[in-house]
Amino acid sequence: MEKENTNGGSVYVTVDGRFNPVHVSMKGTGEEGFLEFMREDVERALKETEMPAMGMMYYNVPDMGIVPQLREGNNGDYLQRLEKAMDGHGIELHRYLRLSEVLYCL
């Protein structure tokens, strides 16, 4: 993959109970960006009749050029592609929270 952006940033991913990505964003950075990202999923979850089994995570990335691009259509393998890229560069997951834990704290 060609490096398109050598600026640092963050990658935020929400996964379902089977760790399939349901929401991916690269808007924002760090904890502030993560809070905004979580807010979107919390608002959706509060509209549901049952608590969705989901988790939210993010990586801080020093070079966004190493982050796999989202594809048109199905991105069911995005988490695997992202983890492979992060592992290959020694970047560890910065945070993982279950949606139920976030809602409990409200």
C-alpha atoms as a PDB file:
ATOM      1  CA  MET A   1       0.000   0.000   0.000  1.00  0.00           C
ATOM      2  CA  GLU A   2       1.313   3.406  -0.885  1.00  0.00           C
ATOM      3  CA  LYS A   3       1.716   5.909   1.874  1.00  0.00           C
ATOM      4  CA  GLU A   4      -0.795   8.663   1.272  1.00  0.00           C
ATOM      5  CA  ASN A   5      -0.699  10.460   4.610  1.00  0.00           C
ATOM      6  CA  THR A   6       2.310  10.522   6.890  1.00  0.00           C
ATOM      7  CA  ASN A   7       0.432  12.442   9.563  1.00  0.00           C
ATOM      8  CA  GLY A   8      -0.611  10.665  12.725  1.00  0.00           C
ATOM      9  CA  GLY A   9      -4.219  10.022  13.618  1.00  0.00           C
ATOM     10  CA  SER A  10      -6.624   7.512  15.097  1.00  0.00           C
ATOM     11  CA  VAL A  11      -8.751   4.684  13.745  1.00  0.00           C
ATOM     12  CA  TYR A  12     -12.021   3.957  15.551  1.00  0.00           C
ATOM     13  CA  VAL A  13     -13.944   0.712  15.084  1.00  0.00           C
ATOM     14  CA  THR A  14     -17.211  -0.577  16.529  1.00  0.00           C
ATOM     15  CA  VAL A  15     -17.693  -4.329  16.304  1.00  0.00           C
ATOM     16  CA  ASP A  16     -20.677  -6.576  16.874  1.00  0.00           C
ATOM     17  CA  GLY A  17     -20.661  -9.561  19.248  1.00  0.00           C
ATOM     18  CA  ARG A  18     -18.699 -11.623  16.699  1.00  0.00           C
ATOM     19  CA  PHE A  19     -16.111  -8.879  16.136  1.00  0.00           C
ATOM     20  CA  ASN A  20     -17.457  -7.930  12.721  1.00  0.00           C
ATOM     21  CA  PRO A  21     -16.988  -4.202  12.078  1.00  0.00           C
ATOM     22  CA  VAL A  22     -20.233  -2.233  12.033  1.00  0.00           C
ATOM     23  CA  HIS A  23     -18.815   1.310  12.197  1.00  0.00           C
ATOM     24  CA  VAL A  24     -15.354   2.561  11.203  1.00  0.00           C
ATOM     25  CA  SER A  25     -14.123   6.121  11.357  1.00  0.00           C
ATOM     26  CA  MET A  26     -10.875   8.019  11.030  1.00  0.00           C
ATOM     27  CA  LYS A  27     -12.377  11.373  11.971  1.00  0.00           C
ATOM     28  CA  GLY A  28     -10.813  13.003  14.983  1.00  0.00           C
ATOM     29  CA  THR A  29      -7.837  11.938  17.050  1.00  0.00           C
ATOM     30  CA  GLY A  30      -7.188  10.449  20.449  1.00  0.00           C
ATOM     31  CA  GLU A  31      -9.649  10.464  23.319  1.00  0.00           C
ATOM     32  CA  GLU A  32     -11.625  13.451  22.009  1.00  0.00           C
ATOM     33  CA  GLY A  33     -12.219  11.713  18.708  1.00  0.00           C
ATOM     34  CA  PHE A  34     -13.094   8.486  20.531  1.00  0.00           C
ATOM     35  CA  LEU A  35     -15.701  10.270  22.657  1.00  0.00           C
ATOM     36  CA  GLU A  36     -17.347  11.715  19.539  1.00  0.00           C
ATOM     37  CA  PHE A  37     -17.203   8.322  17.823  1.00  0.00           C
ATOM     38  CA  MET A  38     -18.763   6.608  20.864  1.00  0.00           C
ATOM     39  CA  ARG A  39     -21.471   9.256  21.074  1.00  0.00           C
ATOM     40  CA  GLU A  40     -22.761   8.268  17.625  1.00  0.00           C
ATOM     41  CA  ASP A  41     -23.029   4.581  18.581  1.00  0.00           C
ATOM     42  CA  VAL A  42     -24.535   5.321  21.994  1.00  0.00           C
ATOM     43  CA  GLU A  43     -27.257   7.444  20.378  1.00  0.00           C
ATOM     44  CA  ARG A  44     -28.101   4.586  18.006  1.00  0.00           C
ATOM     45  CA  ALA A  45     -28.083   2.021  20.832  1.00  0.00           C
ATOM     46  CA  LEU A  46     -30.449   4.088  22.964  1.00  0.00           C
ATOM     47  CA  LYS A  47     -33.029   3.887  20.171  1.00  0.00           C
ATOM     48  CA  GLU A  48     -32.919   0.059  20.210  1.00  0.00           C
ATOM     49  CA  THR A  49     -35.334  -2.035  22.274  1.00  0.00           C
ATOM     50  CA  GLU A  50     -32.507  -4.370  23.379  1.00  0.00           C
ATOM     51  CA  MET A  51     -28.901  -3.658  24.229  1.00  0.00           C
ATOM     52  CA  PRO A  52     -26.785  -4.518  21.179  1.00  0.00           C
ATOM     53  CA  ALA A  53     -23.702  -6.613  21.952  1.00  0.00           C
ATOM     54  CA  MET A  54     -21.036  -4.295  20.604  1.00  0.00           C
ATOM     55  CA  GLY A  55     -17.571  -3.092  21.495  1.00  0.00           C
ATOM     56  CA  MET A  56     -15.748   0.088  20.549  1.00  0.00           C
ATOM     57  CA  MET A  57     -12.003   0.363  20.108  1.00  0.00           C
ATOM     58  CA  TYR A  58      -9.319   2.580  18.735  1.00  0.00           C
ATOM     59  CA  TYR A  59      -5.713   2.727  17.699  1.00  0.00           C
ATOM     60  CA  ASN A  60      -3.484   5.795  17.767  1.00  0.00           C
ATOM     61  CA  VAL A  61      -1.431   5.621  14.591  1.00  0.00           C
ATOM     62  CA  PRO A  62       1.751   7.653  14.036  1.00  0.00           C
ATOM     63  CA  ASP A  63       1.495   7.323  10.245  1.00  0.00           C
ATOM     64  CA  MET A  64      -2.017   7.062   8.788  1.00  0.00           C
ATOM     65  CA  GLY A  65      -0.442   5.847   5.544  1.00  0.00           C
ATOM     66  CA  ILE A  66      -0.197   2.357   7.068  1.00  0.00           C
ATOM     67  CA  VAL A  67      -3.946   2.149   7.798  1.00  0.00           C
ATOM     68  CA  PRO A  68      -5.866  -0.099   5.375  1.00  0.00           C
ATOM     69  CA  GLN A  69      -8.403   1.761   3.285  1.00  0.00           C
ATOM     70  CA  LEU A  70     -12.096   1.023   3.506  1.00  0.00           C
ATOM     71  CA  ARG A  71     -13.441  -0.709   0.432  1.00  0.00           C
ATOM     72  CA  GLU A  72     -16.616   0.046  -1.448  1.00  0.00           C
ATOM     73  CA  GLY A  73     -19.296  -2.322  -0.190  1.00  0.00           C
ATOM     74  CA  ASN A  74     -18.415  -5.089   2.246  1.00  0.00           C
ATOM     75  CA  ASN A  75     -15.714  -4.386   4.831  1.00  0.00           C
ATOM     76  CA  GLY A  76     -16.361  -7.463   6.955  1.00  0.00           C
ATOM     77  CA  ASP A  77     -12.641  -8.225   7.024  1.00  0.00           C
ATOM     78  CA  TYR A  78     -11.586  -4.687   7.950  1.00  0.00           C
ATOM     79  CA  LEU A  79     -10.724  -5.495  11.555  1.00  0.00           C
ATOM     80  CA  GLN A  80      -8.455  -8.351  10.463  1.00  0.00           C
ATOM     81  CA  ARG A  81      -6.741  -6.116   7.900  1.00  0.00           C
ATOM     82  CA  LEU A  82      -6.341  -3.344  10.471  1.00  0.00           C
ATOM     83  CA  GLU A  83      -4.975  -5.673  13.158  1.00  0.00           C
ATOM     84  CA  LYS A  84      -2.477  -7.151  10.698  1.00  0.00           C
ATOM     85  CA  ALA A  85      -1.228  -3.677   9.748  1.00  0.00           C
ATOM     86  CA  MET A  86      -1.014  -2.553  13.387  1.00  0.00           C
ATOM     87  CA  ASP A  87       0.761  -5.741  14.491  1.00  0.00           C
ATOM     88  CA  GLY A  88       3.202  -5.371  11.613  1.00  0.00           C
ATOM     89  CA  HIS A  89       4.205  -1.939  12.911  1.00  0.00           C
ATOM     90  CA  GLY A  90       4.143  -2.787  16.622  1.00  0.00           C
ATOM     91  CA  ILE A  91       1.104  -0.601  17.330  1.00  0.00           C
ATOM     92  CA  GLU A  92      -1.092  -1.805  20.178  1.00  0.00           C
ATOM     93  CA  LEU A  93      -4.800  -1.256  20.657  1.00  0.00           C
ATOM     94  CA  HIS A  94      -5.197   1.910  22.704  1.00  0.00           C
ATOM     95  CA  ARG A  95      -8.652   1.273  24.158  1.00  0.00           C
ATOM     96  CA  TYR A  96     -11.546  -1.197  23.991  1.00  0.00           C
ATOM     97  CA  LEU A  97     -14.897  -0.653  25.704  1.00  0.00           C
ATOM     98  CA  ARG A  98     -18.081  -2.675  25.577  1.00  0.00           C
ATOM     99  CA  LEU A  99     -21.109  -0.592  24.658  1.00  0.00           C
ATOM    100  CA  SER A 100     -22.963  -1.865  27.746  1.00  0.00           C
ATOM    101  CA  GLU A 101     -20.181  -0.475  29.975  1.00  0.00           C
ATOM    102  CA  VAL A 102     -20.423   2.928  28.311  1.00  0.00           C
ATOM    103  CA  LEU A 103     -24.207   3.036  28.688  1.00  0.00           C
ATOM    104  CA  TYR A 104     -23.980   1.934  32.308  1.00  0.00           C
ATOM    105  CA  CYS A 105     -21.773   4.953  33.058  1.00  0.00           C
ATOM    106  CA  LEU A 106     -24.281   7.455  31.646  1.00  0.00           C
END
